[in-house]
Every structure is written in structure tokens, then in C-alpha cells.
PDB file of all heavy atoms in Angstrom:
ATOM      1  N   GLN A   1     -11.283  12.228  -5.943  1.00  0.00           N
ATOM      2  CA  GLN A   1     -11.680  12.465  -7.323  1.00  0.00           C
ATOM      3  C   GLN A   1     -10.461  12.481  -8.244  1.00  0.00           C
ATOM      4  O   GLN A   1     -10.499  11.966  -9.367  1.00  0.00           O
ATOM      5  CB  GLN A   1     -12.417  13.801  -7.438  1.00  0.00           C
ATOM      6  CG  GLN A   1     -12.933  14.115  -8.835  1.00  0.00           C
ATOM      7  CD  GLN A   1     -13.781  15.371  -8.848  1.00  0.00           C
ATOM      8  OE1 GLN A   1     -14.161  15.905  -7.808  1.00  0.00           O
ATOM      9  NE2 GLN A   1     -14.093  15.856 -10.031  1.00  0.00           N
ATOM     10  N   GLN A   2      -9.375  13.072  -7.777  1.00  0.00           N
ATOM     11  CA  GLN A   2      -8.147  13.156  -8.576  1.00  0.00           C
ATOM     12  C   GLN A   2      -7.014  12.490  -7.823  1.00  0.00           C
ATOM     13  O   GLN A   2      -6.168  13.161  -7.245  1.00  0.00           O
ATOM     14  CB  GLN A   2      -7.812  14.617  -8.891  1.00  0.00           C
ATOM     15  CG  GLN A   2      -8.860  15.363  -9.688  1.00  0.00           C
ATOM     16  CD  GLN A   2      -9.005  14.830 -11.108  1.00  0.00           C
ATOM     17  OE1 GLN A   2      -8.066  14.255 -11.657  1.00  0.00           O
ATOM     18  NE2 GLN A   2     -10.157  15.035 -11.711  1.00  0.00           N
ATOM     19  N   SER A   3      -7.003  11.191  -7.767  1.00  0.00           N
ATOM     20  CA  SER A   3      -5.951  10.467  -7.047  1.00  0.00           C
ATOM     21  C   SER A   3      -4.670  10.426  -7.881  1.00  0.00           C
ATOM     22  O   SER A   3      -4.713  10.397  -9.109  1.00  0.00           O
ATOM     23  CB  SER A   3      -6.406   9.034  -6.725  1.00  0.00           C
ATOM     24  OG  SER A   3      -7.498   9.042  -5.846  1.00  0.00           O
ATOM     25  N   ASP A   4      -3.534  10.415  -7.200  1.00  0.00           N
ATOM     26  CA  ASP A   4      -2.244  10.352  -7.870  1.00  0.00           C
ATOM     27  C   ASP A   4      -2.033   8.937  -8.400  1.00  0.00           C
ATOM     28  O   ASP A   4      -2.020   7.977  -7.633  1.00  0.00           O
ATOM     29  CB  ASP A   4      -1.115  10.725  -6.900  1.00  0.00           C
ATOM     30  CG  ASP A   4       0.231  10.835  -7.585  1.00  0.00           C
ATOM     31  OD1 ASP A   4       0.286  10.643  -8.811  1.00  0.00           O
ATOM     32  OD2 ASP A   4       1.224  11.137  -6.887  1.00  0.00           O
ATOM     33  N   ALA A   5      -1.903   8.810  -9.713  1.00  0.00           N
ATOM     34  CA  ALA A   5      -1.782   7.497 -10.322  1.00  0.00           C
ATOM     35  C   ALA A   5      -0.478   7.358 -11.082  1.00  0.00           C
ATOM     36  O   ALA A   5      -0.371   6.653 -12.059  1.00  0.00           O
ATOM     37  CB  ALA A   5      -2.955   7.243 -11.260  1.00  0.00           C
ATOM     38  N   ARG A   6       0.565   8.036 -10.614  1.00  0.00           N
ATOM     39  CA  ARG A   6       1.855   7.960 -11.278  1.00  0.00           C
ATOM     40  C   ARG A   6       2.836   7.172 -10.411  1.00  0.00           C
ATOM     41  O   ARG A   6       2.497   6.696  -9.357  1.00  0.00           O
ATOM     42  CB  ARG A   6       2.393   9.368 -11.527  1.00  0.00           C
ATOM     43  CG  ARG A   6       1.490  10.217 -12.432  1.00  0.00           C
ATOM     44  CD  ARG A   6       1.915  11.666 -12.448  1.00  0.00           C
ATOM     45  NE  ARG A   6       1.753  12.261 -11.131  1.00  0.00           N
ATOM     46  CZ  ARG A   6       2.134  13.496 -10.813  1.00  0.00           C
ATOM     47  NH1 ARG A   6       2.729  14.243 -11.730  1.00  0.00           N
ATOM     48  NH2 ARG A   6       1.937  13.981  -9.604  1.00  0.00           N
ATOM     49  N   GLY A   7       4.077   7.044 -10.887  1.00  0.00           N
ATOM     50  CA  GLY A   7       5.095   6.412 -10.093  1.00  0.00           C
ATOM     51  C   GLY A   7       5.516   5.061 -10.634  1.00  0.00           C
ATOM     52  O   GLY A   7       4.942   4.552 -11.607  1.00  0.00           O
ATOM     53  N   GLU A   8       6.501   4.452  -9.997  1.00  0.00           N
ATOM     54  CA  GLU A   8       7.104   3.196 -10.449  1.00  0.00           C
ATOM     55  C   GLU A   8       6.582   1.980  -9.709  1.00  0.00           C
ATOM     56  O   GLU A   8       7.052   0.875  -9.955  1.00  0.00           O
ATOM     57  CB  GLU A   8       8.628   3.280 -10.284  1.00  0.00           C
ATOM     58  CG  GLU A   8       9.298   4.318 -11.174  1.00  0.00           C
ATOM     59  CD  GLU A   8       9.168   3.970 -12.663  1.00  0.00           C
ATOM     60  OE1 GLU A   8       9.260   2.778 -12.993  1.00  0.00           O
ATOM     61  OE2 GLU A   8       8.948   4.887 -13.465  1.00  0.00           O
ATOM     62  N   LEU A   9       5.639   2.170  -8.803  1.00  0.00           N
ATOM     63  CA  LEU A   9       5.130   1.036  -8.032  1.00  0.00           C
ATOM     64  C   LEU A   9       4.340   0.092  -8.916  1.00  0.00           C
ATOM     65  O   LEU A   9       3.676   0.500  -9.865  1.00  0.00           O
ATOM     66  CB  LEU A   9       4.254   1.505  -6.878  1.00  0.00           C
ATOM     67  CG  LEU A   9       4.898   2.349  -5.788  1.00  0.00           C
ATOM     68  CD1 LEU A   9       3.857   2.744  -4.769  1.00  0.00           C
ATOM     69  CD2 LEU A   9       6.025   1.584  -5.118  1.00  0.00           C
ATOM     70  N   THR A  10       4.401  -1.197  -8.596  1.00  0.00           N
ATOM     71  CA  THR A  10       3.542  -2.158  -9.278  1.00  0.00           C
ATOM     72  C   THR A  10       2.113  -2.047  -8.730  1.00  0.00           C
ATOM     73  O   THR A  10       1.880  -1.440  -7.686  1.00  0.00           O
ATOM     74  CB  THR A  10       4.021  -3.596  -9.067  1.00  0.00           C
ATOM     75  OG1 THR A  10       3.907  -3.937  -7.674  1.00  0.00           O
ATOM     76  CG2 THR A  10       5.486  -3.752  -9.507  1.00  0.00           C
ATOM     77  N   VAL A  11       1.199  -2.680  -9.434  1.00  0.00           N
ATOM     78  CA  VAL A  11      -0.185  -2.671  -8.992  1.00  0.00           C
ATOM     79  C   VAL A  11      -0.299  -3.235  -7.576  1.00  0.00           C
ATOM     80  O   VAL A  11      -0.968  -2.660  -6.709  1.00  0.00           O
ATOM     81  CB  VAL A  11      -1.064  -3.468  -9.986  1.00  0.00           C
ATOM     82  CG1 VAL A  11      -2.442  -3.790  -9.386  1.00  0.00           C
ATOM     83  CG2 VAL A  11      -1.206  -2.697 -11.297  1.00  0.00           C
ATOM     84  N   ARG A  12       0.329  -4.368  -7.335  1.00  0.00           N
ATOM     85  CA  ARG A  12       0.222  -4.984  -5.999  1.00  0.00           C
ATOM     86  C   ARG A  12       0.800  -4.057  -4.930  1.00  0.00           C
ATOM     87  O   ARG A  12       0.227  -3.924  -3.854  1.00  0.00           O
ATOM     88  CB  ARG A  12       0.941  -6.333  -5.970  1.00  0.00           C
ATOM     89  CG  ARG A  12       0.719  -7.048  -4.648  1.00  0.00           C
ATOM     90  CD  ARG A  12       1.293  -8.436  -4.582  1.00  0.00           C
ATOM     91  NE  ARG A  12       0.838  -9.097  -3.364  1.00  0.00           N
ATOM     92  CZ  ARG A  12      -0.281  -9.781  -3.255  1.00  0.00           C
ATOM     93  NH1 ARG A  12      -1.070  -9.921  -4.322  1.00  0.00           N
ATOM     94  NH2 ARG A  12      -0.651 -10.325  -2.114  1.00  0.00           N
ATOM     95  N   GLU A  13       1.910  -3.393  -5.220  1.00  0.00           N
ATOM     96  CA  GLU A  13       2.504  -2.484  -4.238  1.00  0.00           C
ATOM     97  C   GLU A  13       1.585  -1.314  -3.941  1.00  0.00           C
ATOM     98  O   GLU A  13       1.511  -0.848  -2.798  1.00  0.00           O
ATOM     99  CB  GLU A  13       3.852  -1.997  -4.747  1.00  0.00           C
ATOM    100  CG  GLU A  13       4.924  -3.075  -4.731  1.00  0.00           C
ATOM    101  CD  GLU A  13       6.174  -2.678  -5.497  1.00  0.00           C
ATOM    102  OE1 GLU A  13       6.101  -1.759  -6.352  1.00  0.00           O
ATOM    103  OE2 GLU A  13       7.234  -3.297  -5.252  1.00  0.00           O
ATOM    104  N   VAL A  14       0.884  -0.832  -4.949  1.00  0.00           N
ATOM    105  CA  VAL A  14      -0.080   0.256  -4.720  1.00  0.00           C
ATOM    106  C   VAL A  14      -1.209  -0.220  -3.831  1.00  0.00           C
ATOM    107  O   VAL A  14      -1.597   0.459  -2.878  1.00  0.00           O
ATOM    108  CB  VAL A  14      -0.630   0.765  -6.063  1.00  0.00           C
ATOM    109  CG1 VAL A  14      -1.797   1.736  -5.839  1.00  0.00           C
ATOM    110  CG2 VAL A  14       0.466   1.477  -6.861  1.00  0.00           C
ATOM    111  N   VAL A  15      -1.753  -1.389  -4.117  1.00  0.00           N
ATOM    112  CA  VAL A  15      -2.881  -1.893  -3.310  1.00  0.00           C
ATOM    113  C   VAL A  15      -2.433  -2.188  -1.888  1.00  0.00           C
ATOM    114  O   VAL A  15      -3.176  -1.985  -0.931  1.00  0.00           O
ATOM    115  CB  VAL A  15      -3.483  -3.137  -3.995  1.00  0.00           C
ATOM    116  CG1 VAL A  15      -4.640  -3.683  -3.160  1.00  0.00           C
ATOM    117  CG2 VAL A  15      -3.977  -2.798  -5.404  1.00  0.00           C
ATOM    118  N   GLN A  16      -1.195  -2.636  -1.715  1.00  0.00           N
ATOM    119  CA  GLN A  16      -0.681  -2.878  -0.354  1.00  0.00           C
ATOM    120  C   GLN A  16      -0.683  -1.612   0.498  1.00  0.00           C
ATOM    121  O   GLN A  16      -0.747  -1.715   1.739  1.00  0.00           O
ATOM    122  CB  GLN A  16       0.739  -3.456  -0.437  1.00  0.00           C
ATOM    123  CG  GLN A  16       0.791  -4.914  -0.865  1.00  0.00           C
ATOM    124  CD  GLN A  16       2.223  -5.398  -1.097  1.00  0.00           C
ATOM    125  OE1 GLN A  16       3.097  -4.614  -1.463  1.00  0.00           O
ATOM    126  NE2 GLN A  16       2.438  -6.686  -0.868  1.00  0.00           N
ATOM    127  N   LEU A  17      -0.613  -0.440  -0.123  1.00  0.00           N
ATOM    128  CA  LEU A  17      -0.643   0.799   0.636  1.00  0.00           C
ATOM    129  C   LEU A  17      -1.943   0.944   1.416  1.00  0.00           C
ATOM    130  O   LEU A  17      -1.990   1.676   2.429  1.00  0.00           O
ATOM    131  CB  LEU A  17      -0.479   2.002  -0.302  1.00  0.00           C
ATOM    132  CG  LEU A  17       0.876   2.117  -1.012  1.00  0.00           C
ATOM    133  CD1 LEU A  17       0.877   3.277  -1.985  1.00  0.00           C
ATOM    134  CD2 LEU A  17       2.008   2.269   0.008  1.00  0.00           C
ATOM    135  N   GLY A  18      -2.975   0.265   0.980  1.00  0.00           N
ATOM    136  CA  GLY A  18      -4.225   0.316   1.718  1.00  0.00           C
ATOM    137  C   GLY A  18      -4.154  -0.311   3.095  1.00  0.00           C
ATOM    138  O   GLY A  18      -5.026  -0.086   3.937  1.00  0.00           O
ATOM    139  N   ARG A  19      -3.126  -1.081   3.356  1.00  0.00           N
ATOM    140  CA  ARG A  19      -2.964  -1.711   4.671  1.00  0.00           C
ATOM    141  C   ARG A  19      -2.194  -0.829   5.662  1.00  0.00           C
ATOM    142  O   ARG A  19      -2.069  -1.183   6.836  1.00  0.00           O
ATOM    143  CB  ARG A  19      -2.238  -3.070   4.520  1.00  0.00           C
ATOM    144  CG  ARG A  19      -2.991  -4.085   3.677  1.00  0.00           C
ATOM    145  CD  ARG A  19      -4.394  -4.335   4.180  1.00  0.00           C
ATOM    146  NE  ARG A  19      -4.406  -4.933   5.522  1.00  0.00           N
ATOM    147  CZ  ARG A  19      -5.487  -5.001   6.288  1.00  0.00           C
ATOM    148  NH1 ARG A  19      -6.634  -4.473   5.876  1.00  0.00           N
ATOM    149  NH2 ARG A  19      -5.426  -5.555   7.486  1.00  0.00           N
ATOM    150  N   LEU A  20      -1.693   0.315   5.210  1.00  0.00           N
ATOM    151  CA  LEU A  20      -0.903   1.194   6.079  1.00  0.00           C
ATOM    152  C   LEU A  20      -1.651   1.630   7.348  1.00  0.00           C
ATOM    153  O   LEU A  20      -1.026   1.715   8.416  1.00  0.00           O
ATOM    154  CB  LEU A  20      -0.427   2.421   5.308  1.00  0.00           C
ATOM    155  CG  LEU A  20       0.743   2.217   4.340  1.00  0.00           C
ATOM    156  CD1 LEU A  20       1.089   3.500   3.642  1.00  0.00           C
ATOM    157  CD2 LEU A  20       1.957   1.658   5.081  1.00  0.00           C
ATOM    158  N   PRO A  21      -2.942   1.916   7.289  1.00  0.00           N
ATOM    159  CA  PRO A  21      -3.611   2.281   8.553  1.00  0.00           C
ATOM    160  C   PRO A  21      -3.552   1.194   9.624  1.00  0.00           C
ATOM    161  O   PRO A  21      -3.652   1.495  10.816  1.00  0.00           O
ATOM    162  CB  PRO A  21      -5.063   2.522   8.109  1.00  0.00           C
ATOM    163  CG  PRO A  21      -4.976   2.882   6.672  1.00  0.00           C
ATOM    164  CD  PRO A  21      -3.849   2.043   6.142  1.00  0.00           C
ATOM    165  N   HIS A  22      -3.372  -0.062   9.214  1.00  0.00           N
ATOM    166  CA  HIS A  22      -3.281  -1.160  10.164  1.00  0.00           C
ATOM    167  C   HIS A  22      -1.830  -1.473  10.554  1.00  0.00           C
ATOM    168  O   HIS A  22      -1.568  -1.910  11.668  1.00  0.00           O
ATOM    169  CB  HIS A  22      -3.908  -2.420   9.570  1.00  0.00           C
ATOM    170  CG  HIS A  22      -5.350  -2.250   9.198  1.00  0.00           C
ATOM    171  ND1 HIS A  22      -6.397  -2.448  10.070  1.00  0.00           N
ATOM    172  CD2 HIS A  22      -5.927  -1.882   8.024  1.00  0.00           C
ATOM    173  CE1 HIS A  22      -7.548  -2.208   9.473  1.00  0.00           C
ATOM    174  NE2 HIS A  22      -7.299  -1.871   8.220  1.00  0.00           N
ATOM    175  N   LEU A  23      -0.902  -1.221   9.630  1.00  0.00           N
ATOM    176  CA  LEU A  23       0.472  -1.642   9.824  1.00  0.00           C
ATOM    177  C   LEU A  23       1.411  -0.505  10.263  1.00  0.00           C
ATOM    178  O   LEU A  23       2.405  -0.761  10.951  1.00  0.00           O
ATOM    179  CB  LEU A  23       1.028  -2.225   8.513  1.00  0.00           C
ATOM    180  CG  LEU A  23       0.355  -3.476   7.982  1.00  0.00           C
ATOM    181  CD1 LEU A  23       0.867  -3.807   6.600  1.00  0.00           C
ATOM    182  CD2 LEU A  23       0.590  -4.640   8.934  1.00  0.00           C
ATOM    183  N   GLY A  24       1.098   0.719   9.874  1.00  0.00           N
ATOM    184  CA  GLY A  24       2.074   1.781  10.034  1.00  0.00           C
ATOM    185  C   GLY A  24       3.141   1.680   8.954  1.00  0.00           C
ATOM    186  O   GLY A  24       3.046   0.866   8.037  1.00  0.00           O
ATOM    187  N   LEU A  25       4.165   2.512   9.062  1.00  0.00           N
ATOM    188  CA  LEU A  25       5.188   2.591   8.004  1.00  0.00           C
ATOM    189  C   LEU A  25       6.245   1.497   8.065  1.00  0.00           C
ATOM    190  O   LEU A  25       6.886   1.203   7.065  1.00  0.00           O
ATOM    191  CB  LEU A  25       5.874   3.975   8.057  1.00  0.00           C
ATOM    192  CG  LEU A  25       5.000   5.180   7.675  1.00  0.00           C
ATOM    193  CD1 LEU A  25       5.797   6.474   7.898  1.00  0.00           C
ATOM    194  CD2 LEU A  25       4.562   5.068   6.217  1.00  0.00           C
ATOM    195  N   PHE A  26       6.449   0.915   9.219  1.00  0.00           N
ATOM    196  CA  PHE A  26       7.617   0.063   9.386  1.00  0.00           C
ATOM    197  C   PHE A  26       7.314  -1.392   9.741  1.00  0.00           C
ATOM    198  O   PHE A  26       8.215  -2.171  10.071  1.00  0.00           O
ATOM    199  CB  PHE A  26       8.534   0.666  10.474  1.00  0.00           C
ATOM    200  CG  PHE A  26       8.917   2.082  10.208  1.00  0.00           C
ATOM    201  CD1 PHE A  26       8.402   3.124  10.977  1.00  0.00           C
ATOM    202  CD2 PHE A  26       9.778   2.418   9.153  1.00  0.00           C
ATOM    203  CE1 PHE A  26       8.737   4.434  10.730  1.00  0.00           C
ATOM    204  CE2 PHE A  26      10.116   3.717   8.889  1.00  0.00           C
ATOM    205  CZ  PHE A  26       9.588   4.728   9.675  1.00  0.00           C
ATOM    206  N   THR A  27       6.043  -1.781   9.661  1.00  0.00           N
ATOM    207  CA  THR A  27       5.664  -3.162   9.964  1.00  0.00           C
ATOM    208  C   THR A  27       5.419  -3.911   8.669  1.00  0.00           C
ATOM    209  O   THR A  27       4.691  -3.435   7.790  1.00  0.00           O
ATOM    210  CB  THR A  27       4.387  -3.191  10.829  1.00  0.00           C
ATOM    211  OG1 THR A  27       4.615  -2.453  12.028  1.00  0.00           O
ATOM    212  CG2 THR A  27       4.030  -4.627  11.174  1.00  0.00           C
ATOM    213  N   ALA A  28       6.026  -5.055   8.544  1.00  0.00           N
ATOM    214  CA  ALA A  28       5.846  -5.864   7.329  1.00  0.00           C
ATOM    215  C   ALA A  28       4.455  -6.492   7.320  1.00  0.00           C
ATOM    216  O   ALA A  28       3.917  -6.856   8.366  1.00  0.00           O
ATOM    217  CB  ALA A  28       6.898  -6.980   7.279  1.00  0.00           C
ATOM    218  N   PRO A  29       3.857  -6.614   6.130  1.00  0.00           N
ATOM    219  CA  PRO A  29       2.521  -7.220   6.058  1.00  0.00           C
ATOM    220  C   PRO A  29       2.546  -8.661   6.536  1.00  0.00           C
ATOM    221  O   PRO A  29       3.450  -9.442   6.216  1.00  0.00           O
ATOM    222  CB  PRO A  29       2.200  -7.140   4.556  1.00  0.00           C
ATOM    223  CG  PRO A  29       3.085  -6.070   4.012  1.00  0.00           C
ATOM    224  CD  PRO A  29       4.344  -6.142   4.829  1.00  0.00           C
ATOM    225  N   ALA A  30       1.537  -9.041   7.283  1.00  0.00           N
ATOM    226  CA  ALA A  30       1.360 -10.419   7.739  1.00  0.00           C
ATOM    227  C   ALA A  30       0.533 -11.176   6.691  1.00  0.00           C
ATOM    228  O   ALA A  30      -0.029 -10.561   5.782  1.00  0.00           O
ATOM    229  CB  ALA A  30       0.657 -10.432   9.091  1.00  0.00           C
ATOM    230  N   PRO A  31       0.438 -12.492   6.809  1.00  0.00           N
ATOM    231  CA  PRO A  31      -0.358 -13.250   5.827  1.00  0.00           C
ATOM    232  C   PRO A  31      -1.795 -12.747   5.686  1.00  0.00           C
ATOM    233  O   PRO A  31      -2.343 -12.723   4.579  1.00  0.00           O
ATOM    234  CB  PRO A  31      -0.312 -14.683   6.389  1.00  0.00           C
ATOM    235  CG  PRO A  31       1.007 -14.748   7.075  1.00  0.00           C
ATOM    236  CD  PRO A  31       1.192 -13.394   7.698  1.00  0.00           C
ATOM    237  N   HIS A  32      -2.431 -12.324   6.787  1.00  0.00           N
ATOM    238  CA  HIS A  32      -3.814 -11.857   6.672  1.00  0.00           C
ATOM    239  C   HIS A  32      -3.875 -10.517   5.924  1.00  0.00           C
ATOM    240  O   HIS A  32      -4.892 -10.221   5.266  1.00  0.00           O
ATOM    241  CB  HIS A  32      -4.480 -11.759   8.047  1.00  0.00           C
ATOM    242  CG  HIS A  32      -4.004 -10.634   8.905  1.00  0.00           C
ATOM    243  ND1 HIS A  32      -2.934 -10.772   9.762  1.00  0.00           N
ATOM    244  CD2 HIS A  32      -4.411  -9.351   9.013  1.00  0.00           C
ATOM    245  CE1 HIS A  32      -2.724  -9.631  10.397  1.00  0.00           C
ATOM    246  NE2 HIS A  32      -3.598  -8.755   9.953  1.00  0.00           N
ATOM    247  N   ASP A  33      -2.797  -9.716   6.002  1.00  0.00           N
ATOM    248  CA  ASP A  33      -2.765  -8.471   5.225  1.00  0.00           C
ATOM    249  C   ASP A  33      -2.663  -8.781   3.732  1.00  0.00           C
ATOM    250  O   ASP A  33      -3.346  -8.172   2.913  1.00  0.00           O
ATOM    251  CB  ASP A  33      -1.575  -7.613   5.659  1.00  0.00           C
ATOM    252  CG  ASP A  33      -1.671  -7.124   7.086  1.00  0.00           C
ATOM    253  OD1 ASP A  33      -2.665  -6.447   7.409  1.00  0.00           O
ATOM    254  OD2 ASP A  33      -0.779  -7.481   7.882  1.00  0.00           O
TER     255      ASP A  33
END
């Protein structure tokens, strides 16, 4: 309900965070991500 919407990240960088459950913290996104 009250998500944190602050910070210096771009929109794409924020949306990329949704892939963390699949990638973990240290794996670079693959083309399918």
C-alpha cells in the first residue's frame, strides 16, 4: 500500500528489481530477463 518511491534509480532500474527473485543480487540479467 505504501511502497517506497524515492531514490535516484531510473524507471527501468526500478522495474529490473522485479527480476531479483530469479537472479539474486549478483547475477546480471539475461536477455529473457
